[in-house]
Amino acid sequence: LPKPTCCTRSVPQLTHLLSVAAEKVTSLGKDWHRPCLRCEKCNKTLTSGGHAEHDGKPYCNHPCYAALFGPKGFGRGGAESHTFK
């Protein structure tokens, strides 16, 4: 099994093979270790298919993706109370 491209874990090959089989998730067209699939903004652990994507990077749907890339202005997208600096 090839090593997921999400991180550069330094583990022995046998341990790596067992860990990948137990933890591998596929999202955004590549394999991830389950704990490495995280929101780019808030670092929340995400599930495969249960998140948004922007420029090939994963984001939690709410509030991060909505606040960063959703419609702007009061009453749009429900993310008015979430602002990032």
N, C-alpha and C. Protein backbone atom coordinates (compact mmCIF):
# COMPACT_ATOMS: atom_id res chain seq x y z
N LEU A 1 0.83 -1.19 0.00
CA LEU A 1 0.00 0.00 0.00
C LEU A 1 0.87 1.24 0.00
N PRO A 2 0.56 2.20 -0.84
CA PRO A 2 1.33 3.44 -0.82
C PRO A 2 0.98 4.26 0.41
N LYS A 3 1.91 5.08 0.82
CA LYS A 3 1.71 5.94 1.98
C LYS A 3 0.77 7.08 1.61
N PRO A 4 -0.24 7.38 2.47
CA PRO A 4 -1.09 8.54 2.18
C PRO A 4 -0.26 9.80 2.04
N THR A 5 -0.74 10.72 1.22
CA THR A 5 0.01 11.93 0.93
C THR A 5 -0.25 13.05 1.93
N CYS A 6 -1.03 12.76 2.97
CA CYS A 6 -1.42 13.82 3.90
C CYS A 6 -0.34 14.20 4.89
N CYS A 7 0.57 13.30 5.18
CA CYS A 7 1.60 13.63 6.16
C CYS A 7 2.85 12.82 5.88
N THR A 8 3.84 13.05 6.67
CA THR A 8 5.11 12.34 6.49
C THR A 8 5.45 11.57 7.75
N ARG A 9 4.50 10.75 8.20
CA ARG A 9 4.75 9.95 9.40
C ARG A 9 5.98 9.09 9.20
N SER A 10 6.79 9.03 10.21
CA SER A 10 8.01 8.23 10.16
C SER A 10 7.78 6.99 11.02
N VAL A 11 7.33 5.91 10.38
CA VAL A 11 7.07 4.66 11.09
C VAL A 11 7.64 3.50 10.28
N PRO A 12 7.96 2.39 10.93
CA PRO A 12 8.44 1.23 10.19
C PRO A 12 7.40 0.76 9.17
N GLN A 13 7.84 0.14 8.08
CA GLN A 13 6.96 -0.24 6.97
C GLN A 13 5.79 -1.12 7.41
N LEU A 14 6.01 -2.17 8.21
CA LEU A 14 4.92 -3.05 8.64
C LEU A 14 3.91 -2.28 9.48
N THR A 15 4.40 -1.48 10.41
CA THR A 15 3.50 -0.66 11.23
C THR A 15 2.71 0.28 10.34
N HIS A 16 3.38 0.87 9.35
CA HIS A 16 2.70 1.78 8.44
C HIS A 16 1.59 1.07 7.67
N LEU A 17 1.86 -0.11 7.15
CA LEU A 17 0.86 -0.86 6.39
C LEU A 17 -0.36 -1.16 7.24
N LEU A 18 -0.15 -1.57 8.48
CA LEU A 18 -1.28 -1.85 9.37
C LEU A 18 -2.04 -0.58 9.71
N SER A 19 -1.32 0.50 9.95
CA SER A 19 -1.95 1.76 10.31
C SER A 19 -2.76 2.33 9.15
N VAL A 20 -2.25 2.25 7.94
CA VAL A 20 -2.97 2.76 6.78
C VAL A 20 -4.25 1.97 6.55
N ALA A 21 -4.16 0.64 6.66
CA ALA A 21 -5.35 -0.18 6.46
C ALA A 21 -6.42 0.16 7.48
N ALA A 22 -6.03 0.47 8.70
CA ALA A 22 -7.00 0.77 9.75
C ALA A 22 -7.52 2.21 9.68
N GLU A 23 -6.72 3.14 9.20
CA GLU A 23 -7.06 4.55 9.28
C GLU A 23 -7.35 5.23 7.96
N LYS A 24 -7.12 4.58 6.83
CA LYS A 24 -7.18 5.26 5.54
C LYS A 24 -8.58 5.73 5.19
N VAL A 25 -8.69 6.99 4.80
CA VAL A 25 -9.92 7.54 4.22
C VAL A 25 -9.52 8.22 2.92
N THR A 26 -10.42 8.22 1.97
CA THR A 26 -10.15 8.86 0.69
C THR A 26 -11.05 10.08 0.57
N SER A 27 -10.44 11.21 0.26
CA SER A 27 -11.19 12.46 0.09
C SER A 27 -10.38 13.40 -0.77
N LEU A 28 -11.05 14.22 -1.54
CA LEU A 28 -10.41 15.19 -2.42
C LEU A 28 -9.43 14.51 -3.38
N GLY A 29 -9.74 13.28 -3.76
CA GLY A 29 -8.94 12.56 -4.74
C GLY A 29 -7.64 11.99 -4.23
N LYS A 30 -7.46 11.93 -2.91
CA LYS A 30 -6.25 11.33 -2.37
C LYS A 30 -6.55 10.60 -1.07
N ASP A 31 -5.60 9.80 -0.63
CA ASP A 31 -5.74 9.06 0.61
C ASP A 31 -5.19 9.87 1.78
N TRP A 32 -5.87 9.76 2.92
CA TRP A 32 -5.48 10.47 4.14
C TRP A 32 -5.45 9.49 5.29
N HIS A 33 -4.62 9.73 6.29
CA HIS A 33 -4.79 9.07 7.58
C HIS A 33 -6.04 9.74 8.18
N ARG A 34 -6.89 8.97 8.82
CA ARG A 34 -8.13 9.53 9.38
C ARG A 34 -7.87 10.79 10.22
N PRO A 35 -6.89 10.80 11.14
CA PRO A 35 -6.68 12.01 11.94
C PRO A 35 -6.08 13.19 11.16
N CYS A 36 -5.56 12.95 9.97
CA CYS A 36 -4.94 14.04 9.19
C CYS A 36 -5.96 14.81 8.33
N LEU A 37 -7.17 14.26 8.16
CA LEU A 37 -8.19 14.95 7.37
C LEU A 37 -8.84 15.98 8.30
N ARG A 38 -8.31 17.21 8.25
CA ARG A 38 -8.74 18.27 9.16
C ARG A 38 -9.06 19.55 8.39
N CYS A 39 -9.92 20.37 8.99
CA CYS A 39 -10.27 21.67 8.42
C CYS A 39 -9.01 22.54 8.40
N GLU A 40 -8.77 23.18 7.26
CA GLU A 40 -7.61 24.06 7.11
C GLU A 40 -7.67 25.25 8.06
N LYS A 41 -8.86 25.69 8.44
CA LYS A 41 -9.00 26.89 9.27
C LYS A 41 -9.02 26.57 10.77
N CYS A 42 -9.95 25.68 11.20
CA CYS A 42 -10.12 25.45 12.64
C CYS A 42 -9.48 24.16 13.14
N ASN A 43 -8.97 23.33 12.23
CA ASN A 43 -8.27 22.10 12.58
C ASN A 43 -9.18 20.99 13.09
N LYS A 44 -10.50 21.13 12.91
CA LYS A 44 -11.45 20.10 13.32
C LYS A 44 -11.27 18.86 12.45
N THR A 45 -11.31 17.65 13.05
CA THR A 45 -11.22 16.42 12.28
C THR A 45 -12.48 16.26 11.45
N LEU A 46 -12.30 15.94 10.16
CA LEU A 46 -13.42 15.83 9.22
C LEU A 46 -13.65 14.38 8.81
N THR A 47 -14.82 14.12 8.24
CA THR A 47 -15.12 12.79 7.72
C THR A 47 -15.09 12.86 6.20
N SER A 48 -14.75 11.76 5.58
CA SER A 48 -14.71 11.70 4.13
C SER A 48 -16.10 11.99 3.57
N GLY A 49 -16.20 12.97 2.69
CA GLY A 49 -17.48 13.34 2.10
C GLY A 49 -18.34 14.24 2.97
N GLY A 50 -17.90 14.53 4.19
CA GLY A 50 -18.68 15.36 5.10
C GLY A 50 -18.08 16.72 5.31
N HIS A 51 -17.48 17.27 4.27
CA HIS A 51 -16.83 18.57 4.40
C HIS A 51 -16.84 19.28 3.05
N ALA A 52 -16.42 20.53 3.06
CA ALA A 52 -16.33 21.32 1.84
C ALA A 52 -14.87 21.39 1.39
N GLU A 53 -14.66 21.87 0.17
CA GLU A 53 -13.32 21.96 -0.41
C GLU A 53 -13.17 23.30 -1.11
N HIS A 54 -12.00 23.89 -0.98
CA HIS A 54 -11.67 25.12 -1.69
C HIS A 54 -10.19 25.05 -2.06
N ASP A 55 -9.90 25.19 -3.34
CA ASP A 55 -8.51 25.10 -3.84
C ASP A 55 -7.82 23.81 -3.39
N GLY A 56 -8.57 22.71 -3.37
CA GLY A 56 -7.99 21.41 -3.03
C GLY A 56 -7.75 21.19 -1.55
N LYS A 57 -8.22 22.09 -0.70
CA LYS A 57 -8.03 21.96 0.74
C LYS A 57 -9.38 21.74 1.43
N PRO A 58 -9.40 20.90 2.47
CA PRO A 58 -10.66 20.61 3.16
C PRO A 58 -11.01 21.68 4.21
N TYR A 59 -12.31 21.95 4.33
CA TYR A 59 -12.84 22.88 5.33
C TYR A 59 -14.12 22.30 5.90
N CYS A 60 -14.38 22.52 7.20
CA CYS A 60 -15.67 22.11 7.74
C CYS A 60 -16.73 23.00 7.07
N ASN A 61 -17.91 22.43 6.85
CA ASN A 61 -18.96 23.17 6.14
C ASN A 61 -19.37 24.44 6.88
N HIS A 62 -19.52 24.32 8.19
CA HIS A 62 -20.01 25.45 8.98
C HIS A 62 -19.27 25.44 10.31
N PRO A 63 -18.64 26.46 10.73
CA PRO A 63 -18.74 27.79 10.16
C PRO A 63 -17.64 28.15 9.16
N CYS A 64 -16.56 27.40 9.09
CA CYS A 64 -15.38 27.86 8.35
C CYS A 64 -15.63 28.12 6.87
N TYR A 65 -16.09 27.11 6.12
CA TYR A 65 -16.29 27.32 4.69
C TYR A 65 -17.31 28.42 4.43
N ALA A 66 -18.41 28.38 5.18
CA ALA A 66 -19.46 29.39 4.99
C ALA A 66 -18.94 30.80 5.27
N ALA A 67 -18.17 30.95 6.34
CA ALA A 67 -17.66 32.28 6.69
C ALA A 67 -16.58 32.77 5.74
N LEU A 68 -15.72 31.86 5.27
CA LEU A 68 -14.62 32.26 4.41
C LEU A 68 -15.02 32.44 2.95
N PHE A 69 -15.90 31.56 2.44
CA PHE A 69 -16.16 31.54 1.00
C PHE A 69 -17.64 31.66 0.63
N GLY A 70 -18.52 31.69 1.61
CA GLY A 70 -19.95 31.78 1.33
C GLY A 70 -20.38 33.21 1.04
N PRO A 71 -21.68 33.39 0.82
CA PRO A 71 -22.21 34.74 0.55
C PRO A 71 -21.91 35.67 1.72
N LYS A 72 -21.65 36.93 1.42
CA LYS A 72 -21.33 37.92 2.45
C LYS A 72 -22.56 38.79 2.71
N GLY A 73 -22.60 39.35 3.90
CA GLY A 73 -23.67 40.26 4.25
C GLY A 73 -24.62 39.66 5.25
N PHE A 74 -25.37 40.49 5.94
CA PHE A 74 -26.27 40.04 6.99
C PHE A 74 -27.37 39.15 6.42
N GLY A 75 -27.60 38.02 7.07
CA GLY A 75 -28.67 37.12 6.67
C GLY A 75 -28.32 36.21 5.50
N ARG A 76 -27.07 36.17 5.09
CA ARG A 76 -26.63 35.33 3.96
C ARG A 76 -25.82 34.16 4.48
N GLY A 77 -26.28 32.96 4.28
CA GLY A 77 -25.50 31.78 4.60
C GLY A 77 -25.43 31.41 6.08
N GLY A 78 -25.99 32.20 6.95
CA GLY A 78 -26.03 31.87 8.37
C GLY A 78 -24.70 31.96 9.09
N ALA A 79 -23.72 32.59 8.51
CA ALA A 79 -22.39 32.65 9.12
C ALA A 79 -22.04 34.06 9.59
N GLU A 80 -23.06 34.91 9.81
CA GLU A 80 -22.79 36.30 10.16
C GLU A 80 -21.98 36.44 11.44
N SER A 81 -22.20 35.54 12.39
CA SER A 81 -21.53 35.69 13.67
C SER A 81 -20.11 35.13 13.66
N HIS A 82 -19.69 34.53 12.56
CA HIS A 82 -18.37 33.94 12.48
C HIS A 82 -17.50 34.76 11.52
N THR A 83 -16.54 35.46 12.10
CA THR A 83 -15.62 36.21 11.27
C THR A 83 -14.21 35.78 11.62
N PHE A 84 -13.37 35.69 10.62
CA PHE A 84 -11.98 35.29 10.81
C PHE A 84 -11.08 36.44 10.41
N LYS A 85 -10.03 36.62 11.16
CA LYS A 85 -9.08 37.69 10.83
C LYS A 85 -7.85 37.09 10.21
